Amino acid sequence: MVDVGHNLTLAIDIGGTGLKASVVDEDAQLLTDRLRVATPVGAPPGKFVEVLTAMVAPLGAFDRVSVGFPGVVRNGRVLTAPNLGNGMWTGFELAHALEVALAKPVRVANDADLQGLAVIAGKGVEMVITLGTGFGTGLYLDGRLGPHLEIAHHPFRHGETYDEQLGNAARKEIGSVRWNNRVKRAIGNMRRLTNFDHLFIGGGNAKKIDFALEPDVTAVSNEAGMKGGVALWRD
């Protein structure tokens, strides 16, 4: 197991609309203000690394880096990046590129997976969904993260995916009432798919939910994307 000791973690959240960063302590408490800049959607990965490096410069000292990424990542290597506007991400060694730029060890995980690590209780089957630019999911068993499943890009309704039907663009297009009805239906689908013991809803649009949640469903702060960075360094 990694000894977290007094290590400080630079937590970076790469979103479809914003890049966010903060330094957190071993108890996952934010030690700095959360910085945010617009996501350079469509830019090549190298440009993202440049923007991130410049953004975090004012945050001061840190010992390691955790990154939440909106796509599939394995061993620091990007496999998919559906909401970042180009195919140049496929195969990009993001962890290595940031290690070179920041001169610190880096771990990268899917952003929804990372957010869930900050909020789960560690008992039974737990799931997180994130509502933001797109639709993200993470699945856990007794506190351990399972393989990432890109449920977002599976069919949901009328030939469209969860991402297309529940993302921020769809919410703006169809309005709050219809979007909330879709979220209800998606929660029901996740319940039948996973038989979760508890579901957590995060992401920037979690606050847009206007219906009563079941006792086994909880909305969580979007800051969880930052706080989950510490858990990425625990075995």
C-alpha atoms as a PDB file:
ATOM      1  CA  MET A   1       0.000   0.000   0.000  1.00  0.00           C
ATOM      2  CA  VAL A   2       1.197   3.495  -0.812  1.00  0.00           C
ATOM      3  CA  ASP A   3       2.087   5.500   2.288  1.00  0.00           C
ATOM      4  CA  VAL A   4       0.124   8.733   1.869  1.00  0.00           C
ATOM      5  CA  GLY A   5       1.914  10.304   4.868  1.00  0.00           C
ATOM      6  CA  HIS A   6       1.928  14.062   4.497  1.00  0.00           C
ATOM      7  CA  ASN A   7       1.794  13.900   0.715  1.00  0.00           C
ATOM      8  CA  LEU A   8      -0.117  16.623  -1.060  1.00  0.00           C
ATOM      9  CA  THR A   9      -2.038  15.686  -4.189  1.00  0.00           C
ATOM     10  CA  LEU A  10      -2.615  17.994  -7.129  1.00  0.00           C
ATOM     11  CA  ALA A  11      -6.097  16.986  -8.279  1.00  0.00           C
ATOM     12  CA  ILE A  12      -6.993  17.823 -11.873  1.00  0.00           C
ATOM     13  CA  ASP A  13     -10.447  17.368 -13.387  1.00  0.00           C
ATOM     14  CA  ILE A  14     -10.568  17.484 -17.187  1.00  0.00           C
ATOM     15  CA  GLY A  15     -14.147  18.238 -18.182  1.00  0.00           C
ATOM     16  CA  GLY A  16     -15.843  18.806 -21.501  1.00  0.00           C
ATOM     17  CA  THR A  17     -16.358  22.490 -20.693  1.00  0.00           C
ATOM     18  CA  GLY A  18     -13.858  23.281 -17.940  1.00  0.00           C
ATOM     19  CA  LEU A  19     -10.439  22.249 -16.625  1.00  0.00           C
ATOM     20  CA  LYS A  20     -10.315  22.382 -12.829  1.00  0.00           C
ATOM     21  CA  ALA A  21      -7.507  21.900 -10.318  1.00  0.00           C
ATOM     22  CA  SER A  22      -6.778  22.137  -6.599  1.00  0.00           C
ATOM     23  CA  VAL A  23      -4.286  20.776  -4.069  1.00  0.00           C
ATOM     24  CA  VAL A  24      -5.768  18.386  -1.482  1.00  0.00           C
ATOM     25  CA  ASP A  25      -4.327  16.850   1.673  1.00  0.00           C
ATOM     26  CA  GLU A  26      -4.353  13.202   2.746  1.00  0.00           C
ATOM     27  CA  ASP A  27      -7.855  13.657   4.205  1.00  0.00           C
ATOM     28  CA  ALA A  28      -9.105  14.876   0.819  1.00  0.00           C
ATOM     29  CA  GLN A  29      -9.571  18.431   2.078  1.00  0.00           C
ATOM     30  CA  LEU A  30      -9.015  21.193  -0.440  1.00  0.00           C
ATOM     31  CA  LEU A  31      -6.015  23.302   0.587  1.00  0.00           C
ATOM     32  CA  THR A  32      -6.319  25.811  -2.245  1.00  0.00           C
ATOM     33  CA  ASP A  33      -9.087  27.481  -4.162  1.00  0.00           C
ATOM     34  CA  ARG A  34     -10.311  25.415  -7.079  1.00  0.00           C
ATOM     35  CA  LEU A  35      -8.949  26.990 -10.266  1.00  0.00           C
ATOM     36  CA  ARG A  36     -10.909  26.745 -13.490  1.00  0.00           C
ATOM     37  CA  VAL A  37     -10.241  27.585 -17.125  1.00  0.00           C
ATOM     38  CA  ALA A  38     -12.215  26.774 -20.247  1.00  0.00           C
ATOM     39  CA  THR A  39     -11.486  23.429 -21.891  1.00  0.00           C
ATOM     40  CA  PRO A  40      -9.735  23.907 -25.254  1.00  0.00           C
ATOM     41  CA  VAL A  41     -12.046  21.428 -26.987  1.00  0.00           C
ATOM     42  CA  GLY A  42     -10.602  20.299 -30.314  1.00  0.00           C
ATOM     43  CA  ALA A  43      -7.019  21.156 -29.395  1.00  0.00           C
ATOM     44  CA  PRO A  44      -4.358  18.424 -29.602  1.00  0.00           C
ATOM     45  CA  PRO A  45      -3.361  16.649 -26.377  1.00  0.00           C
ATOM     46  CA  GLY A  46      -0.055  18.484 -26.188  1.00  0.00           C
ATOM     47  CA  LYS A  47      -1.930  21.783 -25.980  1.00  0.00           C
ATOM     48  CA  PHE A  48      -4.004  20.432 -23.089  1.00  0.00           C
ATOM     49  CA  VAL A  49      -0.798  19.582 -21.242  1.00  0.00           C
ATOM     50  CA  GLU A  50       0.484  23.127 -21.813  1.00  0.00           C
ATOM     51  CA  VAL A  51      -2.781  24.677 -20.566  1.00  0.00           C
ATOM     52  CA  LEU A  52      -2.881  22.425 -17.501  1.00  0.00           C
ATOM     53  CA  THR A  53       0.746  23.160 -16.641  1.00  0.00           C
ATOM     54  CA  ALA A  54       0.142  26.905 -16.801  1.00  0.00           C
ATOM     55  CA  MET A  55      -3.114  26.660 -14.859  1.00  0.00           C
ATOM     56  CA  VAL A  56      -1.647  24.793 -11.857  1.00  0.00           C
ATOM     57  CA  ALA A  57       1.501  26.931 -11.563  1.00  0.00           C
ATOM     58  CA  PRO A  58      -0.040  29.296  -8.938  1.00  0.00           C
ATOM     59  CA  LEU A  59      -1.167  26.438  -6.673  1.00  0.00           C
ATOM     60  CA  GLY A  60       2.188  25.938  -4.983  1.00  0.00           C
ATOM     61  CA  ALA A  61       3.835  22.730  -3.797  1.00  0.00           C
ATOM     62  CA  PHE A  62       2.475  19.203  -4.300  1.00  0.00           C
ATOM     63  CA  ASP A  63       3.970  15.730  -4.275  1.00  0.00           C
ATOM     64  CA  ARG A  64       1.917  13.813  -6.814  1.00  0.00           C
ATOM     65  CA  VAL A  65      -0.857  14.302  -9.355  1.00  0.00           C
ATOM     66  CA  SER A  66      -4.246  12.681  -9.905  1.00  0.00           C
ATOM     67  CA  VAL A  67      -6.222  13.345 -13.064  1.00  0.00           C
ATOM     68  CA  GLY A  68      -9.871  12.653 -13.841  1.00  0.00           C
ATOM     69  CA  PHE A  69     -10.327  12.250 -17.605  1.00  0.00           C
ATOM     70  CA  PRO A  70     -13.605  12.137 -19.609  1.00  0.00           C
ATOM     71  CA  GLY A  71     -12.979   8.864 -21.402  1.00  0.00           C
ATOM     72  CA  VAL A  72     -11.420   5.434 -21.059  1.00  0.00           C
ATOM     73  CA  VAL A  73      -7.875   5.423 -19.640  1.00  0.00           C
ATOM     74  CA  ARG A  74      -5.702   2.401 -18.915  1.00  0.00           C
ATOM     75  CA  ASN A  75      -2.281   2.617 -17.300  1.00  0.00           C
ATOM     76  CA  GLY A  76      -2.165   6.338 -18.019  1.00  0.00           C
ATOM     77  CA  ARG A  77      -2.897   5.848 -21.733  1.00  0.00           C
ATOM     78  CA  VAL A  78      -6.026   7.352 -23.302  1.00  0.00           C
ATOM     79  CA  LEU A  79      -8.228   4.975 -25.278  1.00  0.00           C
ATOM     80  CA  THR A  80     -11.225   7.259 -25.894  1.00  0.00           C
ATOM     81  CA  ALA A  81     -12.034  10.957 -25.465  1.00  0.00           C
ATOM     82  CA  PRO A  82     -15.526  11.396 -26.930  1.00  0.00           C
ATOM     83  CA  ASN A  83     -16.227  14.908 -25.613  1.00  0.00           C
ATOM     84  CA  LEU A  84     -12.901  16.562 -26.408  1.00  0.00           C
ATOM     85  CA  GLY A  85     -13.513  17.126 -30.071  1.00  0.00           C
ATOM     86  CA  ASN A  86     -10.923  15.079 -31.941  1.00  0.00           C
ATOM     87  CA  GLY A  87      -9.428  11.623 -32.415  1.00  0.00           C
ATOM     88  CA  MET A  88      -5.851  12.646 -31.642  1.00  0.00           C
ATOM     89  CA  TRP A  89      -6.258  11.469 -28.036  1.00  0.00           C
ATOM     90  CA  THR A  90      -6.364   7.791 -28.944  1.00  0.00           C
ATOM     91  CA  GLY A  91      -3.178   6.193 -27.638  1.00  0.00           C
ATOM     92  CA  PHE A  92      -1.898   9.392 -26.019  1.00  0.00           C
ATOM     93  CA  GLU A  93       0.277   8.703 -22.955  1.00  0.00           C
ATOM     94  CA  LEU A  94      -1.305  11.378 -20.771  1.00  0.00           C
ATOM     95  CA  ALA A  95       0.251  10.285 -17.474  1.00  0.00           C
ATOM     96  CA  HIS A  96       3.742  10.268 -18.957  1.00  0.00           C
ATOM     97  CA  ALA A  97       3.279  13.653 -20.650  1.00  0.00           C
ATOM     98  CA  LEU A  98       2.159  15.259 -17.388  1.00  0.00           C
ATOM     99  CA  GLU A  99       4.966  13.585 -15.446  1.00  0.00           C
ATOM    100  CA  VAL A 100       7.452  15.220 -17.793  1.00  0.00           C
ATOM    101  CA  ALA A 101       5.714  18.607 -17.627  1.00  0.00           C
ATOM    102  CA  LEU A 102       5.154  18.673 -13.848  1.00  0.00           C
ATOM    103  CA  ALA A 103       8.126  16.581 -12.676  1.00  0.00           C
ATOM    104  CA  LYS A 104       5.886  14.568 -10.322  1.00  0.00           C
ATOM    105  CA  PRO A 105       4.340  11.077 -10.440  1.00  0.00           C
ATOM    106  CA  VAL A 106       0.936  11.063 -12.146  1.00  0.00           C
ATOM    107  CA  ARG A 107      -2.040   8.708 -12.105  1.00  0.00           C
ATOM    108  CA  VAL A 108      -5.004   9.097 -14.461  1.00  0.00           C
ATOM    109  CA  ALA A 109      -8.490   7.575 -14.242  1.00  0.00           C
ATOM    110  CA  ASN A 110     -11.886   8.125 -15.775  1.00  0.00           C
ATOM    111  CA  ASP A 111     -13.446  11.217 -14.209  1.00  0.00           C
ATOM    112  CA  ALA A 112     -16.639   9.485 -13.038  1.00  0.00           C
ATOM    113  CA  ASP A 113     -14.619   6.619 -11.553  1.00  0.00           C
ATOM    114  CA  LEU A 114     -12.482   9.139  -9.697  1.00  0.00           C
ATOM    115  CA  GLN A 115     -15.454  11.087  -8.380  1.00  0.00           C
ATOM    116  CA  GLY A 116     -16.982   7.926  -6.973  1.00  0.00           C
ATOM    117  CA  LEU A 117     -13.845   7.108  -4.999  1.00  0.00           C
ATOM    118  CA  ALA A 118     -14.480  10.263  -2.966  1.00  0.00           C
ATOM    119  CA  VAL A 119     -18.068   9.457  -1.983  1.00  0.00           C
ATOM    120  CA  ILE A 120     -18.630   5.702  -1.745  1.00  0.00           C
ATOM    121  CA  ALA A 121     -19.021   4.039   1.638  1.00  0.00           C
ATOM    122  CA  GLY A 122     -17.102   0.916   0.635  1.00  0.00           C
ATOM    123  CA  LYS A 123     -19.929  -1.553   1.278  1.00  0.00           C
ATOM    124  CA  GLY A 124     -21.712  -3.644  -1.298  1.00  0.00           C
ATOM    125  CA  VAL A 125     -22.381  -2.617  -4.876  1.00  0.00           C
ATOM    126  CA  GLU A 126     -22.147   1.143  -5.272  1.00  0.00           C
ATOM    127  CA  MET A 127     -22.489   3.184  -8.430  1.00  0.00           C
ATOM    128  CA  VAL A 128     -21.891   6.767  -9.426  1.00  0.00           C
ATOM    129  CA  ILE A 129     -23.343   8.597 -12.395  1.00  0.00           C
ATOM    130  CA  THR A 130     -22.199  12.051 -13.431  1.00  0.00           C
ATOM    131  CA  LEU A 131     -24.359  14.576 -15.239  1.00  0.00           C
ATOM    132  CA  GLY A 132     -22.344  17.222 -17.045  1.00  0.00           C
ATOM    133  CA  THR A 133     -21.199  17.755 -20.616  1.00  0.00           C
ATOM    134  CA  GLY A 134     -22.007  14.066 -21.018  1.00  0.00           C
ATOM    135  CA  PHE A 135     -23.057  11.108 -18.884  1.00  0.00           C
ATOM    136  CA  GLY A 136     -20.459   9.228 -16.836  1.00  0.00           C
ATOM    137  CA  THR A 137     -20.570   6.105 -14.697  1.00  0.00           C
ATOM    138  CA  GLY A 138     -18.432   4.237 -12.182  1.00  0.00           C
ATOM    139  CA  LEU A 139     -19.101   0.907 -10.478  1.00  0.00           C
ATOM    140  CA  TYR A 140     -17.612  -0.371  -7.186  1.00  0.00           C
ATOM    141  CA  LEU A 141     -17.755  -3.544  -5.097  1.00  0.00           C
ATOM    142  CA  ASP A 142     -16.906  -3.278  -1.395  1.00  0.00           C
ATOM    143  CA  GLY A 143     -14.920  -0.129  -2.057  1.00  0.00           C
ATOM    144  CA  ARG A 144     -12.913  -1.444  -4.990  1.00  0.00           C
ATOM    145  CA  LEU A 145     -13.271   0.141  -8.402  1.00  0.00           C
ATOM    146  CA  GLY A 146     -14.451  -2.195 -11.136  1.00  0.00           C
ATOM    147  CA  PRO A 147     -13.483  -2.063 -14.830  1.00  0.00           C
ATOM    148  CA  HIS A 148     -14.721   1.104 -16.473  1.00  0.00           C
ATOM    149  CA  LEU A 149     -17.859   0.576 -18.553  1.00  0.00           C
ATOM    150  CA  GLU A 150     -18.734   3.152 -21.210  1.00  0.00           C
ATOM    151  CA  ILE A 151     -22.469   2.950 -20.553  1.00  0.00           C
ATOM    152  CA  ALA A 152     -22.698   6.545 -21.776  1.00  0.00           C
ATOM    153  CA  HIS A 153     -22.294   5.390 -25.354  1.00  0.00           C
ATOM    154  CA  HIS A 154     -24.835   2.572 -25.263  1.00  0.00           C
ATOM    155  CA  PRO A 155     -28.363   3.031 -26.639  1.00  0.00           C
ATOM    156  CA  PHE A 156     -30.780   4.729 -24.233  1.00  0.00           C
ATOM    157  CA  ARG A 157     -33.904   5.818 -26.094  1.00  0.00           C
ATOM    158  CA  HIS A 158     -35.022   6.589 -29.658  1.00  0.00           C
ATOM    159  CA  GLY A 159     -31.753   5.377 -31.117  1.00  0.00           C
ATOM    160  CA  GLU A 160     -29.654   7.811 -29.083  1.00  0.00           C
ATOM    161  CA  THR A 161     -27.145   7.142 -26.324  1.00  0.00           C
ATOM    162  CA  TYR A 162     -27.189   8.199 -22.674  1.00  0.00           C
ATOM    163  CA  ASP A 163     -24.585  10.830 -23.546  1.00  0.00           C
ATOM    164  CA  GLU A 164     -26.730  12.283 -26.310  1.00  0.00           C
ATOM    165  CA  GLN A 165     -29.955  12.230 -24.309  1.00  0.00           C
ATOM    166  CA  LEU A 166     -28.654  13.378 -20.909  1.00  0.00           C
ATOM    167  CA  GLY A 167     -25.711  15.637 -21.737  1.00  0.00           C
ATOM    168  CA  ASN A 168     -25.788  19.367 -21.167  1.00  0.00           C
ATOM    169  CA  ALA A 169     -26.629  20.170 -24.787  1.00  0.00           C
ATOM    170  CA  ALA A 170     -29.735  17.983 -24.582  1.00  0.00           C
ATOM    171  CA  ARG A 171     -30.787  19.573 -21.281  1.00  0.00           C
ATOM    172  CA  LYS A 172     -30.613  23.030 -22.814  1.00  0.00           C
ATOM    173  CA  GLU A 173     -32.492  21.906 -25.915  1.00  0.00           C
ATOM    174  CA  ILE A 174     -35.421  20.080 -24.301  1.00  0.00           C
ATOM    175  CA  GLY A 175     -35.771  21.945 -21.002  1.00  0.00           C
ATOM    176  CA  SER A 176     -35.709  20.936 -17.361  1.00  0.00           C
ATOM    177  CA  VAL A 177     -38.941  18.921 -17.156  1.00  0.00           C
ATOM    178  CA  ARG A 178     -38.181  16.548 -20.006  1.00  0.00           C
ATOM    179  CA  TRP A 179     -34.529  16.245 -19.021  1.00  0.00           C
ATOM    180  CA  ASN A 180     -35.474  15.307 -15.449  1.00  0.00           C
ATOM    181  CA  ASN A 181     -37.849  12.665 -16.770  1.00  0.00           C
ATOM    182  CA  ARG A 182     -34.973  11.184 -18.745  1.00  0.00           C
ATOM    183  CA  VAL A 183     -32.745  11.195 -15.672  1.00  0.00           C
ATOM    184  CA  LYS A 184     -35.435   9.289 -13.739  1.00  0.00           C
ATOM    185  CA  ARG A 185     -35.589   6.693 -16.472  1.00  0.00           C
ATOM    186  CA  ALA A 186     -31.800   6.392 -16.590  1.00  0.00           C
ATOM    187  CA  ILE A 187     -31.666   5.815 -12.831  1.00  0.00           C
ATOM    188  CA  GLY A 188     -34.223   3.027 -13.233  1.00  0.00           C
ATOM    189  CA  ASN A 189     -32.129   1.460 -15.973  1.00  0.00           C
ATOM    190  CA  MET A 190     -28.987   1.591 -13.811  1.00  0.00           C
ATOM    191  CA  ARG A 191     -30.911  -0.010 -10.942  1.00  0.00           C
ATOM    192  CA  ARG A 192     -31.999  -2.917 -13.134  1.00  0.00           C
ATOM    193  CA  LEU A 193     -28.576  -3.239 -14.742  1.00  0.00           C
ATOM    194  CA  THR A 194     -26.441  -3.305 -11.583  1.00  0.00           C
ATOM    195  CA  ASN A 195     -28.824  -3.907  -8.627  1.00  0.00           C
ATOM    196  CA  PHE A 196     -26.803  -1.256  -6.808  1.00  0.00           C
ATOM    197  CA  ASP A 197     -27.000  -0.914  -3.047  1.00  0.00           C
ATOM    198  CA  HIS A 198     -26.469   2.822  -3.385  1.00  0.00           C
ATOM    199  CA  LEU A 199     -26.236   5.261  -6.260  1.00  0.00           C
ATOM    200  CA  PHE A 200     -24.469   8.622  -6.117  1.00  0.00           C
ATOM    201  CA  ILE A 201     -25.196  11.395  -8.619  1.00  0.00           C
ATOM    202  CA  GLY A 202     -22.451  13.926  -9.274  1.00  0.00           C
ATOM    203  CA  GLY A 203     -21.360  16.305 -11.972  1.00  0.00           C
ATOM    204  CA  GLY A 204     -22.248  19.927 -12.571  1.00  0.00           C
ATOM    205  CA  ASN A 205     -25.861  19.177 -13.504  1.00  0.00           C
ATOM    206  CA  ALA A 206     -26.670  17.086 -10.426  1.00  0.00           C
ATOM    207  CA  LYS A 207     -27.994  20.331  -8.931  1.00  0.00           C
ATOM    208  CA  LYS A 208     -30.507  20.541 -11.793  1.00  0.00           C
ATOM    209  CA  ILE A 209     -32.424  17.488 -10.516  1.00  0.00           C
ATOM    210  CA  ASP A 210     -35.822  18.627  -9.268  1.00  0.00           C
ATOM    211  CA  PHE A 211     -37.493  15.352  -8.255  1.00  0.00           C
ATOM    212  CA  ALA A 212     -37.306  13.481  -4.951  1.00  0.00           C
ATOM    213  CA  LEU A 213     -34.575  10.857  -4.881  1.00  0.00           C
ATOM    214  CA  GLU A 214     -35.093   7.377  -3.451  1.00  0.00           C
ATOM    215  CA  PRO A 215     -33.385   6.637  -0.104  1.00  0.00           C
ATOM    216  CA  ASP A 216     -30.660   4.668  -1.879  1.00  0.00           C
ATOM    217  CA  VAL A 217     -29.809   7.542  -4.235  1.00  0.00           C
ATOM    218  CA  THR A 218     -27.767  10.593  -3.153  1.00  0.00           C
ATOM    219  CA  ALA A 219     -26.676  13.726  -5.005  1.00  0.00           C
ATOM    220  CA  VAL A 220     -23.097  14.776  -4.176  1.00  0.00           C
ATOM    221  CA  SER A 221     -20.987  17.915  -4.576  1.00  0.00           C
ATOM    222  CA  ASN A 222     -19.050  18.427  -7.769  1.00  0.00           C
ATOM    223  CA  GLU A 223     -15.960  18.918  -5.585  1.00  0.00           C
ATOM    224  CA  ALA A 224     -15.854  15.132  -5.259  1.00  0.00           C
ATOM    225  CA  GLY A 225     -13.966  15.121  -8.549  1.00  0.00           C
ATOM    226  CA  MET A 226     -11.130  16.862  -6.740  1.00  0.00           C
ATOM    227  CA  LYS A 227     -11.286  14.891  -3.504  1.00  0.00           C
ATOM    228  CA  GLY A 228     -11.205  11.502  -5.213  1.00  0.00           C
ATOM    229  CA  GLY A 229      -7.643  12.181  -6.288  1.00  0.00           C
ATOM    230  CA  VAL A 230      -6.215  11.020  -2.969  1.00  0.00           C
ATOM    231  CA  ALA A 231      -7.937   7.633  -3.231  1.00  0.00           C
ATOM    232  CA  LEU A 232      -6.207   7.015  -6.541  1.00  0.00           C
ATOM    233  CA  TRP A 233      -2.945   6.670  -4.591  1.00  0.00           C
ATOM    234  CA  ARG A 234      -4.275   4.062  -2.152  1.00  0.00           C
ATOM    235  CA  ASP A 235      -4.124   0.362  -3.010  1.00  0.00           C
END
